[in-house]
């Protein structure tokens, strides 16, 4: 089993370099904050919690420039931090 707790994730979004440091506390916070009527604000909060300090301004600019990019970035980060696992039901 790989250790996901200290994974740093670097990516390029619209030509802009970003680095994130996801952690279980921030991930669980996102899961608890997202509701049927409140999706985008928790994504912005989550990304703000996990973005490396040197990339905070770049992230803010991307969110301002590209509507909905926060959802795309969070989905990509979480697909790496918390990948789908195979679950087999045995009866």
Protein backbone atom coordinates (compact mmCIF):
# COMPACT_ATOMS: atom_id res chain seq x y z
CA UNK A 1 0.00 0.00 0.00
CA UNK A 2 1.41 3.39 -0.95
CA UNK A 3 1.63 6.21 1.56
CA UNK A 4 -0.76 8.94 0.40
CA UNK A 5 -0.33 11.14 3.49
CA UNK A 6 2.62 13.20 2.28
CA UNK A 7 2.11 13.21 -1.48
CA UNK A 8 2.99 16.39 -3.34
CA UNK A 9 1.14 16.81 -6.62
CA UNK A 10 2.49 19.16 -9.30
CA UNK A 11 0.57 20.07 -12.43
CA UNK A 12 0.27 22.66 -15.15
CA UNK A 13 -3.13 24.30 -15.62
CA UNK A 14 -3.59 26.60 -18.62
CA UNK A 15 0.19 27.00 -18.76
CA UNK A 16 0.46 27.84 -15.05
CA UNK A 17 2.51 25.65 -12.70
CA UNK A 18 0.84 24.61 -9.44
CA UNK A 19 1.83 22.33 -6.58
CA UNK A 20 -0.55 20.88 -4.03
CA UNK A 21 0.03 19.06 -0.76
CA UNK A 22 -3.25 17.25 -0.08
CA UNK A 23 -3.87 15.79 3.35
CA UNK A 24 -6.60 13.80 5.05
CA UNK A 25 -7.87 16.70 7.18
CA UNK A 26 -8.41 18.95 4.16
CA UNK A 27 -9.87 16.10 2.09
CA UNK A 28 -12.34 15.15 4.82
CA UNK A 29 -13.24 18.82 5.25
CA UNK A 30 -14.09 19.03 1.55
CA UNK A 31 -16.27 15.93 1.74
CA UNK A 32 -18.12 17.35 4.75
CA UNK A 33 -18.61 20.82 3.23
CA UNK A 34 -19.92 19.88 -0.22
CA UNK A 35 -23.71 19.81 -0.41
CA UNK A 36 -26.26 19.58 -3.21
CA UNK A 37 -26.50 23.37 -3.30
CA UNK A 38 -22.93 24.28 -2.30
CA UNK A 39 -20.17 22.79 -4.43
CA UNK A 40 -17.89 25.52 -5.73
CA UNK A 41 -17.07 27.43 -2.53
CA UNK A 42 -15.87 24.28 -0.73
CA UNK A 43 -13.63 23.48 -3.73
CA UNK A 44 -12.01 26.92 -3.54
CA UNK A 45 -11.54 26.55 0.22
CA UNK A 46 -10.07 23.06 -0.19
CA UNK A 47 -7.60 24.12 -2.87
CA UNK A 48 -6.59 27.12 -0.76
CA UNK A 49 -5.84 24.75 2.11
CA UNK A 50 -3.66 22.40 0.09
CA UNK A 51 -1.90 24.63 -2.46
CA UNK A 52 1.79 25.15 -1.74
CA UNK A 53 2.33 28.71 -0.46
CA UNK A 54 4.48 29.71 -3.44
CA UNK A 55 1.57 28.94 -5.81
CA UNK A 56 -1.32 30.55 -3.91
CA UNK A 57 -1.41 33.72 -6.05
CA UNK A 58 -1.27 31.71 -9.28
CA UNK A 59 -4.17 29.54 -8.11
CA UNK A 60 -6.23 32.59 -7.20
CA UNK A 61 -5.61 34.09 -10.64
CA UNK A 62 -6.63 30.86 -12.40
CA UNK A 63 -9.85 30.71 -10.39
CA UNK A 64 -10.57 34.33 -11.33
CA UNK A 65 -9.79 33.78 -15.02
CA UNK A 66 -11.42 30.41 -15.68
CA UNK A 67 -14.91 29.81 -14.24
CA UNK A 68 -15.20 26.29 -12.86
CA UNK A 69 -11.48 25.53 -12.95
CA UNK A 70 -11.53 24.88 -9.21
CA UNK A 71 -13.73 21.84 -9.79
CA UNK A 72 -11.44 20.51 -12.52
CA UNK A 73 -8.30 20.99 -10.40
CA UNK A 74 -9.84 19.43 -7.29
CA UNK A 75 -11.02 16.43 -9.30
CA UNK A 76 -7.53 15.90 -10.73
CA UNK A 77 -5.81 16.29 -7.34
CA UNK A 78 -8.26 13.93 -5.67
CA UNK A 79 -7.97 11.31 -8.42
CA UNK A 80 -4.30 11.07 -7.46
CA UNK A 81 -4.59 11.57 -3.70
CA UNK A 82 -7.61 9.31 -3.25
CA UNK A 83 -7.78 6.97 -6.24
CA UNK A 84 -10.66 4.59 -6.84
CA UNK A 85 -10.07 1.18 -5.36
CA UNK A 86 -11.57 -2.10 -6.38
CA UNK A 87 -14.18 -3.37 -3.95
CA UNK A 88 -15.42 -6.90 -4.29
CA UNK A 89 -18.58 -8.07 -2.55
CA UNK A 90 -18.62 -11.66 -1.36
CA UNK A 91 -21.85 -13.26 -0.21
